[in-house]
Amino acid sequence: MRLLTALSLVSAAALVTACGGAPKPEAQSAQSRAAVSAAEAVGAQNVPQAALHLKMAKDQVESAEAHMANGDNELAELALKRAEADAELALALTREEQLRAEAREAQQKVEALKQK
């Protein structure tokens, strides 16, 4: 009987540790939100491909909030890492488009100077 009780306690402890042992990913949350803000600041919402990744990042942040509310901190952290990656991709795609636009403008200026 003692063995059964001891095994039950060990099993219960393992279950508690596995389900809710991870702390809230507050640092990751701050990083992910900062990455989303950075992408928005450069205008990712105005570049179609970047806007898609920005939307996915925002959706992952919302998903992470729901996971944290349910105590699923490990899933929340994974969602926040995906959010950060999507936001960083949105930022990179936006910067790439901006650089391409600048290059096109410079090329047009060169062509205009050649015409004179």
PDB file of N, CA and C in Angstrom:
ATOM      1  N   MET A   1       0.816  -1.187   0.000  1.00  0.00           N
ATOM      2  CA  MET A   1       0.000   0.000   0.000  1.00  0.00           C
ATOM      3  C   MET A   1       0.864   1.257   0.000  1.00  0.00           C
ATOM      4  N   ARG A   2       1.947   1.235   0.771  1.00  0.00           N
ATOM      5  CA  ARG A   2       2.848   2.381   0.798  1.00  0.00           C
ATOM      6  C   ARG A   2       3.488   2.606  -0.570  1.00  0.00           C
ATOM      7  N   LEU A   3       3.818   1.533  -1.244  1.00  0.00           N
ATOM      8  CA  LEU A   3       4.415   1.632  -2.561  1.00  0.00           C
ATOM      9  C   LEU A   3       3.439   2.294  -3.533  1.00  0.00           C
ATOM     10  N   LEU A   4       2.184   1.883  -3.462  1.00  0.00           N
ATOM     11  CA  LEU A   4       1.154   2.466  -4.320  1.00  0.00           C
ATOM     12  C   LEU A   4       0.965   3.952  -4.028  1.00  0.00           C
ATOM     13  N   THR A   5       0.969   4.324  -2.777  1.00  0.00           N
ATOM     14  CA  THR A   5       0.839   5.727  -2.390  1.00  0.00           C
ATOM     15  C   THR A   5       2.050   6.528  -2.865  1.00  0.00           C
ATOM     16  N   ALA A   6       3.226   5.969  -2.698  1.00  0.00           N
ATOM     17  CA  ALA A   6       4.448   6.649  -3.127  1.00  0.00           C
ATOM     18  C   ALA A   6       4.452   6.841  -4.641  1.00  0.00           C
ATOM     19  N   LEU A   7       4.061   5.819  -5.371  1.00  0.00           N
ATOM     20  CA  LEU A   7       3.991   5.933  -6.830  1.00  0.00           C
ATOM     21  C   LEU A   7       2.963   6.971  -7.254  1.00  0.00           C
ATOM     22  N   SER A   8       1.860   7.034  -6.561  1.00  0.00           N
ATOM     23  CA  SER A   8       0.834   8.021  -6.872  1.00  0.00           C
ATOM     24  C   SER A   8       1.353   9.436  -6.660  1.00  0.00           C
ATOM     25  N   LEU A   9       2.077   9.640  -5.581  1.00  0.00           N
ATOM     26  CA  LEU A   9       2.644  10.960  -5.297  1.00  0.00           C
ATOM     27  C   LEU A   9       3.684  11.358  -6.337  1.00  0.00           C
ATOM     28  N   VAL A  10       4.529  10.415  -6.708  1.00  0.00           N
ATOM     29  CA  VAL A  10       5.547  10.681  -7.725  1.00  0.00           C
ATOM     30  C   VAL A  10       4.881  11.016  -9.056  1.00  0.00           C
ATOM     31  N   SER A  11       3.863  10.259  -9.416  1.00  0.00           N
ATOM     32  CA  SER A  11       3.142  10.515 -10.664  1.00  0.00           C
ATOM     33  C   SER A  11       2.472  11.875 -10.647  1.00  0.00           C
ATOM     34  N   ALA A  12       1.858  12.229  -9.534  1.00  0.00           N
ATOM     35  CA  ALA A  12       1.197  13.525  -9.413  1.00  0.00           C
ATOM     36  C   ALA A  12       2.210  14.656  -9.508  1.00  0.00           C
ATOM     37  N   ALA A  13       3.355  14.493  -8.885  1.00  0.00           N
ATOM     38  CA  ALA A  13       4.397  15.523  -8.943  1.00  0.00           C
ATOM     39  C   ALA A  13       4.917  15.691 -10.368  1.00  0.00           C
ATOM     40  N   ALA A  14       5.107  14.582 -11.053  1.00  0.00           N
ATOM     41  CA  ALA A  14       5.572  14.646 -12.443  1.00  0.00           C
ATOM     42  C   ALA A  14       4.553  15.340 -13.332  1.00  0.00           C
ATOM     43  N   LEU A  15       3.287  15.055 -13.100  1.00  0.00           N
ATOM     44  CA  LEU A  15       2.227  15.667 -13.893  1.00  0.00           C
ATOM     45  C   LEU A  15       2.178  17.175 -13.672  1.00  0.00           C
ATOM     46  N   VAL A  16       2.282  17.602 -12.433  1.00  0.00           N
ATOM     47  CA  VAL A  16       2.270  19.035 -12.119  1.00  0.00           C
ATOM     48  C   VAL A  16       3.469  19.723 -12.747  1.00  0.00           C
ATOM     49  N   THR A  17       4.622  19.108 -12.678  1.00  0.00           N
ATOM     50  CA  THR A  17       5.829  19.681 -13.257  1.00  0.00           C
ATOM     51  C   THR A  17       5.716  19.779 -14.767  1.00  0.00           C
ATOM     52  N   ALA A  18       5.194  18.770 -15.411  1.00  0.00           N
ATOM     53  CA  ALA A  18       5.087  18.758 -16.869  1.00  0.00           C
ATOM     54  C   ALA A  18       4.062  19.757 -17.372  1.00  0.00           C
ATOM     55  N   CYS A  19       2.979  19.947 -16.676  1.00  0.00           N
ATOM     56  CA  CYS A  19       1.898  20.792 -17.175  1.00  0.00           C
ATOM     57  C   CYS A  19       2.095  22.269 -16.910  1.00  0.00           C
ATOM     58  N   GLY A  20       2.602  22.631 -15.780  1.00  0.00           N
ATOM     59  CA  GLY A  20       2.642  24.047 -15.474  1.00  0.00           C
ATOM     60  C   GLY A  20       3.959  24.515 -14.932  1.00  0.00           C
ATOM     61  N   GLY A  21       5.015  23.788 -15.176  1.00  0.00           N
ATOM     62  CA  GLY A  21       6.290  24.108 -14.586  1.00  0.00           C
ATOM     63  C   GLY A  21       7.007  25.282 -15.209  1.00  0.00           C
ATOM     64  N   ALA A  22       6.722  25.592 -16.434  1.00  0.00           N
ATOM     65  CA  ALA A  22       7.454  26.657 -17.111  1.00  0.00           C
ATOM     66  C   ALA A  22       6.938  28.016 -16.658  1.00  0.00           C
ATOM     67  N   PRO A  23       7.859  28.950 -16.416  1.00  0.00           N
ATOM     68  CA  PRO A  23       7.421  30.296 -16.048  1.00  0.00           C
ATOM     69  C   PRO A  23       6.842  31.026 -17.254  1.00  0.00           C
ATOM     70  N   LYS A  24       6.088  32.066 -16.994  1.00  0.00           N
ATOM     71  CA  LYS A  24       5.530  32.856 -18.101  1.00  0.00           C
ATOM     72  C   LYS A  24       6.683  33.447 -18.916  1.00  0.00           C
ATOM     73  N   PRO A  25       6.596  33.352 -20.221  1.00  0.00           N
ATOM     74  CA  PRO A  25       7.688  33.839 -21.084  1.00  0.00           C
ATOM     75  C   PRO A  25       7.607  35.352 -21.293  1.00  0.00           C
ATOM     76  N   GLU A  26       7.764  36.100 -20.214  1.00  0.00           N
ATOM     77  CA  GLU A  26       7.604  37.549 -20.290  1.00  0.00           C
ATOM     78  C   GLU A  26       8.697  38.224 -21.112  1.00  0.00           C
ATOM     79  N   ALA A  27       9.936  37.751 -20.986  1.00  0.00           N
ATOM     80  CA  ALA A  27      11.024  38.337 -21.772  1.00  0.00           C
ATOM     81  C   ALA A  27      10.806  38.081 -23.260  1.00  0.00           C
ATOM     82  N   GLN A  28      10.403  36.856 -23.598  1.00  0.00           N
ATOM     83  CA  GLN A  28      10.131  36.527 -24.999  1.00  0.00           C
ATOM     84  C   GLN A  28       8.956  37.342 -25.514  1.00  0.00           C
ATOM     85  N   SER A  29       7.975  37.562 -24.663  1.00  0.00           N
ATOM     86  CA  SER A  29       6.812  38.365 -25.041  1.00  0.00           C
ATOM     87  C   SER A  29       7.247  39.783 -25.391  1.00  0.00           C
ATOM     88  N   ALA A  30       8.114  40.352 -24.577  1.00  0.00           N
ATOM     89  CA  ALA A  30       8.603  41.710 -24.835  1.00  0.00           C
ATOM     90  C   ALA A  30       9.390  41.761 -26.143  1.00  0.00           C
ATOM     91  N   GLN A  31      10.232  40.745 -26.388  1.00  0.00           N
ATOM     92  CA  GLN A  31      11.012  40.700 -27.625  1.00  0.00           C
ATOM     93  C   GLN A  31      10.098  40.584 -28.842  1.00  0.00           C
ATOM     94  N   SER A  32       9.110  39.736 -28.747  1.00  0.00           N
ATOM     95  CA  SER A  32       8.201  39.521 -29.876  1.00  0.00           C
ATOM     96  C   SER A  32       7.403  40.782 -30.168  1.00  0.00           C
ATOM     97  N   ARG A  33       6.908  41.415 -29.119  1.00  0.00           N
ATOM     98  CA  ARG A  33       6.146  42.652 -29.301  1.00  0.00           C
ATOM     99  C   ARG A  33       7.021  43.763 -29.879  1.00  0.00           C
ATOM    100  N   ALA A  34       8.272  43.820 -29.464  1.00  0.00           N
ATOM    101  CA  ALA A  34       9.201  44.813 -30.003  1.00  0.00           C
ATOM    102  C   ALA A  34       9.456  44.567 -31.489  1.00  0.00           C
ATOM    103  N   ALA A  35       9.576  43.312 -31.863  1.00  0.00           N
ATOM    104  CA  ALA A  35       9.797  42.979 -33.274  1.00  0.00           C
ATOM    105  C   ALA A  35       8.576  43.350 -34.113  1.00  0.00           C
ATOM    106  N   VAL A  36       7.380  43.112 -33.591  1.00  0.00           N
ATOM    107  CA  VAL A  36       6.151  43.495 -34.293  1.00  0.00           C
ATOM    108  C   VAL A  36       6.100  45.011 -34.443  1.00  0.00           C
ATOM    109  N   SER A  37       6.421  45.725 -33.375  1.00  0.00           N
ATOM    110  CA  SER A  37       6.410  47.192 -33.428  1.00  0.00           C
ATOM    111  C   SER A  37       7.426  47.730 -34.433  1.00  0.00           C
ATOM    112  N   ALA A  38       8.588  47.114 -34.485  1.00  0.00           N
ATOM    113  CA  ALA A  38       9.618  47.541 -35.433  1.00  0.00           C
ATOM    114  C   ALA A  38       9.145  47.340 -36.870  1.00  0.00           C
ATOM    115  N   ALA A  39       8.512  46.216 -37.129  1.00  0.00           N
ATOM    116  CA  ALA A  39       7.998  45.955 -38.481  1.00  0.00           C
ATOM    117  C   ALA A  39       6.913  46.958 -38.850  1.00  0.00           C
ATOM    118  N   GLU A  40       6.055  47.271 -37.900  1.00  0.00           N
ATOM    119  CA  GLU A  40       5.006  48.262 -38.161  1.00  0.00           C
ATOM    120  C   GLU A  40       5.608  49.641 -38.391  1.00  0.00           C
ATOM    121  N   ALA A  41       6.658  49.963 -37.643  1.00  0.00           N
ATOM    122  CA  ALA A  41       7.282  51.284 -37.737  1.00  0.00           C
ATOM    123  C   ALA A  41       7.886  51.552 -39.110  1.00  0.00           C
ATOM    124  N   VAL A  42       8.378  50.511 -39.776  1.00  0.00           N
ATOM    125  CA  VAL A  42       8.962  50.714 -41.101  1.00  0.00           C
ATOM    126  C   VAL A  42       7.935  50.564 -42.217  1.00  0.00           C
ATOM    127  N   GLY A  43       6.695  50.260 -41.851  1.00  0.00           N
ATOM    128  CA  GLY A  43       5.631  50.195 -42.858  1.00  0.00           C
ATOM    129  C   GLY A  43       5.380  48.832 -43.449  1.00  0.00           C
ATOM    130  N   ALA A  44       5.620  47.780 -42.700  1.00  0.00           N
ATOM    131  CA  ALA A  44       5.421  46.419 -43.213  1.00  0.00           C
ATOM    132  C   ALA A  44       3.991  46.194 -43.681  1.00  0.00           C
ATOM    133  N   GLN A  45       3.045  46.878 -43.067  1.00  0.00           N
ATOM    134  CA  GLN A  45       1.646  46.704 -43.446  1.00  0.00           C
ATOM    135  C   GLN A  45       1.370  47.211 -44.866  1.00  0.00           C
ATOM    136  N   ASN A  46       2.299  47.970 -45.453  1.00  0.00           N
ATOM    137  CA  ASN A  46       2.119  48.521 -46.796  1.00  0.00           C
ATOM    138  C   ASN A  46       2.812  47.710 -47.884  1.00  0.00           C
ATOM    139  N   VAL A  47       3.512  46.679 -47.502  1.00  0.00           N
ATOM    140  CA  VAL A  47       4.205  45.799 -48.457  1.00  0.00           C
ATOM    141  C   VAL A  47       3.496  44.450 -48.386  1.00  0.00           C
ATOM    142  N   PRO A  48       2.825  44.060 -49.480  1.00  0.00           N
ATOM    143  CA  PRO A  48       1.965  42.863 -49.408  1.00  0.00           C
ATOM    144  C   PRO A  48       2.603  41.629 -48.782  1.00  0.00           C
ATOM    145  N   GLN A  49       3.777  41.256 -49.218  1.00  0.00           N
ATOM    146  CA  GLN A  49       4.410  40.046 -48.684  1.00  0.00           C
ATOM    147  C   GLN A  49       4.767  40.236 -47.201  1.00  0.00           C
ATOM    148  N   ALA A  50       5.243  41.408 -46.851  1.00  0.00           N
ATOM    149  CA  ALA A  50       5.589  41.690 -45.456  1.00  0.00           C
ATOM    150  C   ALA A  50       4.338  41.765 -44.594  1.00  0.00           C
ATOM    151  N   ALA A  51       3.275  42.316 -45.154  1.00  0.00           N
ATOM    152  CA  ALA A  51       2.018  42.438 -44.402  1.00  0.00           C
ATOM    153  C   ALA A  51       1.496  41.067 -43.982  1.00  0.00           C
ATOM    154  N   LEU A  52       1.677  40.085 -44.832  1.00  0.00           N
ATOM    155  CA  LEU A  52       1.255  38.718 -44.493  1.00  0.00           C
ATOM    156  C   LEU A  52       2.006  38.219 -43.264  1.00  0.00           C
ATOM    157  N   HIS A  53       3.312  38.409 -43.248  1.00  0.00           N
ATOM    158  CA  HIS A  53       4.116  37.938 -42.117  1.00  0.00           C
ATOM    159  C   HIS A  53       3.847  38.763 -40.865  1.00  0.00           C
ATOM    160  N   LEU A  54       3.563  40.031 -41.029  1.00  0.00           N
ATOM    161  CA  LEU A  54       3.197  40.862 -39.890  1.00  0.00           C
ATOM    162  C   LEU A  54       1.898  40.370 -39.272  1.00  0.00           C
ATOM    163  N   LYS A  55       0.937  40.030 -40.117  1.00  0.00           N
ATOM    164  CA  LYS A  55      -0.344  39.499 -39.634  1.00  0.00           C
ATOM    165  C   LYS A  55      -0.128  38.182 -38.895  1.00  0.00           C
ATOM    166  N   MET A  56       0.698  37.319 -39.456  1.00  0.00           N
ATOM    167  CA  MET A  56       0.979  36.037 -38.795  1.00  0.00           C
ATOM    168  C   MET A  56       1.645  36.269 -37.444  1.00  0.00           C
ATOM    169  N   ALA A  57       2.540  37.245 -37.364  1.00  0.00           N
ATOM    170  CA  ALA A  57       3.207  37.554 -36.098  1.00  0.00           C
ATOM    171  C   ALA A  57       2.197  38.023 -35.061  1.00  0.00           C
ATOM    172  N   LYS A  58       1.303  38.903 -35.470  1.00  0.00           N
ATOM    173  CA  LYS A  58       0.279  39.390 -34.540  1.00  0.00           C
ATOM    174  C   LYS A  58      -0.633  38.253 -34.084  1.00  0.00           C
ATOM    175  N   ASP A  59      -0.980  37.374 -35.000  1.00  0.00           N
ATOM    176  CA  ASP A  59      -1.823  36.226 -34.650  1.00  0.00           C
ATOM    177  C   ASP A  59      -1.116  35.316 -33.646  1.00  0.00           C
ATOM    178  N   GLN A  60       0.185  35.128 -33.813  1.00  0.00           N
ATOM    179  CA  GLN A  60       0.944  34.277 -32.895  1.00  0.00           C
ATOM    180  C   GLN A  60       1.035  34.920 -31.510  1.00  0.00           C
ATOM    181  N   VAL A  61       1.141  36.248 -31.459  1.00  0.00           N
ATOM    182  CA  VAL A  61       1.164  36.926 -30.163  1.00  0.00           C
ATOM    183  C   VAL A  61      -0.171  36.716 -29.451  1.00  0.00           C
ATOM    184  N   GLU A  62      -1.255  36.837 -30.188  1.00  0.00           N
ATOM    185  CA  GLU A  62      -2.586  36.585 -29.604  1.00  0.00           C
ATOM    186  C   GLU A  62      -2.703  35.139 -29.123  1.00  0.00           C
ATOM    187  N   SER A  63      -2.210  34.220 -29.918  1.00  0.00           N
ATOM    188  CA  SER A  63      -2.240  32.809 -29.549  1.00  0.00           C
ATOM    189  C   SER A  63      -1.433  32.585 -28.269  1.00  0.00           C
ATOM    190  N   ALA A  64      -0.286  33.229 -28.178  1.00  0.00           N
ATOM    191  CA  ALA A  64       0.561  33.093 -26.989  1.00  0.00           C
ATOM    192  C   ALA A  64      -0.151  33.619 -25.749  1.00  0.00           C
ATOM    193  N   GLU A  65      -0.867  34.729 -25.899  1.00  0.00           N
ATOM    194  CA  GLU A  65      -1.608  35.285 -24.770  1.00  0.00           C
ATOM    195  C   GLU A  65      -2.659  34.285 -24.283  1.00  0.00           C
ATOM    196  N   ALA A  66      -3.327  33.636 -25.217  1.00  0.00           N
ATOM    197  CA  ALA A  66      -4.327  32.633 -24.851  1.00  0.00           C
ATOM    198  C   ALA A  66      -3.675  31.451 -24.147  1.00  0.00           C
ATOM    199  N   HIS A  67      -2.520  31.018 -24.643  1.00  0.00           N
ATOM    200  CA  HIS A  67      -1.801  29.906 -24.006  1.00  0.00           C
ATOM    201  C   HIS A  67      -1.380  30.280 -22.586  1.00  0.00           C
ATOM    202  N   MET A  68      -0.891  31.510 -22.412  1.00  0.00           N
ATOM    203  CA  MET A  68      -0.479  31.932 -21.071  1.00  0.00           C
ATOM    204  C   MET A  68      -1.676  31.990 -20.127  1.00  0.00           C
ATOM    205  N   ALA A  69      -2.801  32.446 -20.634  1.00  0.00           N
ATOM    206  CA  ALA A  69      -4.013  32.508 -19.805  1.00  0.00           C
ATOM    207  C   ALA A  69      -4.445  31.116 -19.349  1.00  0.00           C
ATOM    208  N   ASN A  70      -4.151  30.116 -20.182  1.00  0.00           N
ATOM    209  CA  ASN A  70      -4.493  28.731 -19.843  1.00  0.00           C
ATOM    210  C   ASN A  70      -3.384  28.028 -19.068  1.00  0.00           C
ATOM    211  N   GLY A  71      -2.283  28.729 -18.829  1.00  0.00           N
ATOM    212  CA  GLY A  71      -1.171  28.129 -18.104  1.00  0.00           C
ATOM    213  C   GLY A  71      -0.239  27.305 -18.969  1.00  0.00           C
ATOM    214  N   ASP A  72      -0.416  27.356 -20.280  1.00  0.00           N
ATOM    215  CA  ASP A  72       0.443  26.608 -21.209  1.00  0.00           C
ATOM    216  C   ASP A  72       1.627  27.483 -21.614  1.00  0.00           C
ATOM    217  N   ASN A  73       2.531  27.711 -20.681  1.00  0.00           N
ATOM    218  CA  ASN A  73       3.621  28.651 -20.910  1.00  0.00           C
ATOM    219  C   ASN A  73       4.635  28.168 -21.936  1.00  0.00           C
ATOM    220  N   GLU A  74       4.826  26.858 -22.040  1.00  0.00           N
ATOM    221  CA  GLU A  74       5.754  26.344 -23.045  1.00  0.00           C
ATOM    222  C   GLU A  74       5.212  26.590 -24.451  1.00  0.00           C
ATOM    223  N   LEU A  75       3.924  26.332 -24.649  1.00  0.00           N
ATOM    224  CA  LEU A  75       3.311  26.611 -25.954  1.00  0.00           C
ATOM    225  C   LEU A  75       3.312  28.107 -26.235  1.00  0.00           C
ATOM    226  N   ALA A  76       3.103  28.899 -25.200  1.00  0.00           N
ATOM    227  CA  ALA A  76       3.130  30.355 -25.361  1.00  0.00           C
ATOM    228  C   ALA A  76       4.507  30.809 -25.832  1.00  0.00           C
ATOM    229  N   GLU A  77       5.546  30.265 -25.243  1.00  0.00           N
ATOM    230  CA  GLU A  77       6.900  30.662 -25.634  1.00  0.00           C
ATOM    231  C   GLU A  77       7.189  30.286 -27.087  1.00  0.00           C
ATOM    232  N   LEU A  78       6.748  29.109 -27.494  1.00  0.00           N
ATOM    233  CA  LEU A  78       6.941  28.705 -28.889  1.00  0.00           C
ATOM    234  C   LEU A  78       6.196  29.639 -29.840  1.00  0.00           C
ATOM    235  N   ALA A  79       4.972  29.996 -29.500  1.00  0.00           N
ATOM    236  CA  ALA A  79       4.198  30.916 -30.336  1.00  0.00           C
ATOM    237  C   ALA A  79       4.876  32.280 -30.401  1.00  0.00           C
ATOM    238  N   LEU A  80       5.427  32.726 -29.291  1.00  0.00           N
ATOM    239  CA  LEU A  80       6.115  34.022 -29.272  1.00  0.00           C
ATOM    240  C   LEU A  80       7.389  33.992 -30.109  1.00  0.00           C
ATOM    241  N   LYS A  81       8.088  32.882 -30.100  1.00  0.00           N
ATOM    242  CA  LYS A  81       9.291  32.763 -30.939  1.00  0.00           C
ATOM    243  C   LYS A  81       8.917  32.786 -32.417  1.00  0.00           C
ATOM    244  N   ARG A  82       7.824  32.117 -32.767  1.00  0.00           N
ATOM    245  CA  ARG A  82       7.344  32.168 -34.159  1.00  0.00           C
ATOM    246  C   ARG A  82       6.933  33.590 -34.508  1.00  0.00           C
ATOM    247  N   ALA A  83       6.283  34.268 -33.584  1.00  0.00           N
ATOM    248  CA  ALA A  83       5.859  35.651 -33.816  1.00  0.00           C
ATOM    249  C   ALA A  83       7.060  36.545 -34.068  1.00  0.00           C
ATOM    250  N   GLU A  84       8.083  36.377 -33.266  1.00  0.00           N
ATOM    251  CA  GLU A  84       9.288  37.192 -33.449  1.00  0.00           C
ATOM    252  C   GLU A  84       9.938  36.925 -34.805  1.00  0.00           C
ATOM    253  N   ALA A  85      10.005  35.661 -35.188  1.00  0.00           N
ATOM    254  CA  ALA A  85      10.594  35.311 -36.484  1.00  0.00           C
ATOM    255  C   ALA A  85       9.783  35.904 -37.631  1.00  0.00           C
ATOM    256  N   ASP A  86       8.456  35.810 -37.553  1.00  0.00           N
ATOM    257  CA  ASP A  86       7.613  36.380 -38.604  1.00  0.00           C
ATOM    258  C   ASP A  86       7.745  37.901 -38.654  1.00  0.00           C
ATOM    259  N   ALA A  87       7.809  38.536 -37.510  1.00  0.00           N
ATOM    260  CA  ALA A  87       7.952  39.993 -37.475  1.00  0.00           C
ATOM    261  C   ALA A  87       9.303  40.420 -38.053  1.00  0.00           C
ATOM    262  N   GLU A  88      10.351  39.682 -37.734  1.00  0.00           N
ATOM    263  CA  GLU A  88      11.666  39.996 -38.282  1.00  0.00           C
ATOM    264  C   GLU A  88      11.693  39.799 -39.793  1.00  0.00           C
ATOM    265  N   LEU A  89      11.008  38.777 -40.283  1.00  0.00           N
ATOM    266  CA  LEU A  89      10.916  38.564 -41.726  1.00  0.00           C
ATOM    267  C   LEU A  89      10.137  39.701 -42.381  1.00  0.00           C
ATOM    268  N   ALA A  90       9.065  40.129 -41.761  1.00  0.00           N
ATOM    269  CA  ALA A  90       8.287  41.256 -42.287  1.00  0.00           C
ATOM    270  C   ALA A  90       9.158  42.510 -42.362  1.00  0.00           C
ATOM    271  N   LEU A  91       9.954  42.721 -41.340  1.00  0.00           N
ATOM    272  CA  LEU A  91      10.861  43.865 -41.317  1.00  0.00           C
ATOM    273  C   LEU A  91      11.877  43.778 -42.455  1.00  0.00           C
ATOM    274  N   ALA A  92      12.464  42.618 -42.635  1.00  0.00           N
ATOM    275  CA  ALA A  92      13.463  42.430 -43.692  1.00  0.00           C
ATOM    276  C   ALA A  92      12.847  42.609 -45.083  1.00  0.00           C
ATOM    277  N   LEU A  93      11.654  42.059 -45.282  1.00  0.00           N
ATOM    278  CA  LEU A  93      10.992  42.197 -46.580  1.00  0.00           C
ATOM    279  C   LEU A  93      10.648  43.654 -46.872  1.00  0.00           C
ATOM    280  N   THR A  94      10.258  44.379 -45.849  1.00  0.00           N
ATOM    281  CA  THR A  94       9.935  45.796 -46.020  1.00  0.00           C
ATOM    282  C   THR A  94      11.180  46.590 -46.374  1.00  0.00           C
ATOM    283  N   ARG A  95      12.250  46.336 -45.671  1.00  0.00           N
ATOM    284  CA  ARG A  95      13.506  47.042 -45.970  1.00  0.00           C
ATOM    285  C   ARG A  95      13.999  46.709 -47.371  1.00  0.00           C
ATOM    286  N   GLU A  96      13.848  45.449 -47.759  1.00  0.00           N
ATOM    287  CA  GLU A  96      14.249  45.053 -49.113  1.00  0.00           C
ATOM    288  C   GLU A  96      13.445  45.830 -50.150  1.00  0.00           C
ATOM    289  N   GLU A  97      12.136  45.924 -49.951  1.00  0.00           N
ATOM    290  CA  GLU A  97      11.295  46.653 -50.902  1.00  0.00           C
ATOM    291  C   GLU A  97      11.671  48.130 -50.947  1.00  0.00           C
ATOM    292  N   GLN A  98      11.976  48.700 -49.792  1.00  0.00           N
ATOM    293  CA  GLN A  98      12.382  50.103 -49.753  1.00  0.00           C
ATOM    294  C   GLN A  98      13.688  50.317 -50.517  1.00  0.00           C
ATOM    295  N   LEU A  99      14.627  49.404 -50.352  1.00  0.00           N
ATOM    296  CA  LEU A  99      15.896  49.505 -51.072  1.00  0.00           C
ATOM    297  C   LEU A  99      15.698  49.321 -52.574  1.00  0.00           C
ATOM    298  N   ARG A 100      14.804  48.434 -52.956  1.00  0.00           N
ATOM    299  CA  ARG A 100      14.502  48.244 -54.377  1.00  0.00           C
ATOM    300  C   ARG A 100      13.883  49.513 -54.967  1.00  0.00           C
ATOM    301  N   ALA A 101      13.002  50.148 -54.213  1.00  0.00           N
ATOM    302  CA  ALA A 101      12.378  51.387 -54.677  1.00  0.00           C
ATOM    303  C   ALA A 101      13.427  52.486 -54.842  1.00  0.00           C
ATOM    304  N   GLU A 102      14.343  52.573 -53.897  1.00  0.00           N
ATOM    305  CA  GLU A 102      15.421  53.558 -54.004  1.00  0.00           C
ATOM    306  C   GLU A 102      16.302  53.268 -55.216  1.00  0.00           C
ATOM    307  N   ALA A 103      16.577  52.007 -55.477  1.00  0.00           N
ATOM    308  CA  ALA A 103      17.392  51.633 -56.628  1.00  0.00           C
ATOM    309  C   ALA A 103      16.683  51.986 -57.933  1.00  0.00           C
ATOM    310  N   ARG A 104      15.355  51.736 -57.999  1.00  0.00           N
ATOM    311  CA  ARG A 104      14.600  52.105 -59.202  1.00  0.00           C
ATOM    312  C   ARG A 104      14.623  53.611 -59.424  1.00  0.00           C
ATOM    313  N   GLU A 105      14.489  54.359 -58.344  1.00  0.00           N
ATOM    314  CA  GLU A 105      14.508  55.821 -58.440  1.00  0.00           C
ATOM    315  C   GLU A 105      15.874  56.312 -58.917  1.00  0.00           C
ATOM    316  N   ALA A 106      16.927  55.722 -58.389  1.00  0.00           N
ATOM    317  CA  ALA A 106      18.271  56.101 -58.816  1.00  0.00           C
ATOM    318  C   ALA A 106      18.485  55.752 -60.289  1.00  0.00           C
ATOM    319  N   GLN A 107      17.970  54.602 -60.702  1.00  0.00           N
ATOM    320  CA  GLN A 107      18.096  54.194 -62.100  1.00  0.00           C
ATOM    321  C   GLN A 107      17.359  55.164 -63.010  1.00  0.00           C
ATOM    322  N   GLN A 108      16.186  55.612 -62.581  1.00  0.00           N
ATOM    323  CA  GLN A 108      15.427  56.589 -63.372  1.00  0.00           C
ATOM    324  C   GLN A 108      16.168  57.912 -63.490  1.00  0.00           C
ATOM    325  N   LYS A 109      16.812  58.323 -62.425  1.00  0.00           N
ATOM    326  CA  LYS A 109      17.603  59.568 -62.456  1.00  0.00           C
ATOM    327  C   LYS A 109      18.767  59.428 -63.430  1.00  0.00           C
ATOM    328  N   VAL A 110      19.409  58.265 -63.411  1.00  0.00           N
ATOM    329  CA  VAL A 110      20.517  58.012 -64.325  1.00  0.00           C
ATOM    330  C   VAL A 110      20.025  58.069 -65.766  1.00  0.00           C
ATOM    331  N   GLU A 111      18.906  57.444 -66.038  1.00  0.00           N
ATOM    332  CA  GLU A 111      18.335  57.451 -67.383  1.00  0.00           C
ATOM    333  C   GLU A 111      17.974  58.873 -67.818  1.00  0.00           C
ATOM    334  N   ALA A 112      17.429  59.644 -66.896  1.00  0.00           N
ATOM    335  CA  ALA A 112      17.069  61.032 -67.204  1.00  0.00           C
ATOM    336  C   ALA A 112      18.308  61.865 -67.528  1.00  0.00           C
ATOM    337  N   LEU A 113      19.382  61.629 -66.803  1.00  0.00           N
ATOM    338  CA  LEU A 113      20.629  62.354 -67.073  1.00  0.00           C
ATOM    339  C   LEU A 113      21.226  61.952 -68.411  1.00  0.00           C
ATOM    340  N   LYS A 114      21.060  60.706 -68.797  1.00  0.00           N
ATOM    341  CA  LYS A 114      21.558  60.243 -70.094  1.00  0.00           C
ATOM    342  C   LYS A 114      20.809  60.908 -71.238  1.00  0.00           C
ATOM    343  N   GLN A 115      19.549  61.220 -71.009  1.00  0.00           N
ATOM    344  CA  GLN A 115      18.718  61.847 -72.057  1.00  0.00           C
ATOM    345  C   GLN A 115      19.123  63.284 -72.318  1.00  0.00           C
ATOM    346  N   LYS A 116      19.729  63.931 -71.368  1.00  0.00           N
ATOM    347  CA  LYS A 116      20.109  65.358 -71.523  1.00  0.00           C
ATOM    348  C   LYS A 116      21.327  65.552 -72.299  1.00  0.00           C
TER     349      LYS A 116
END
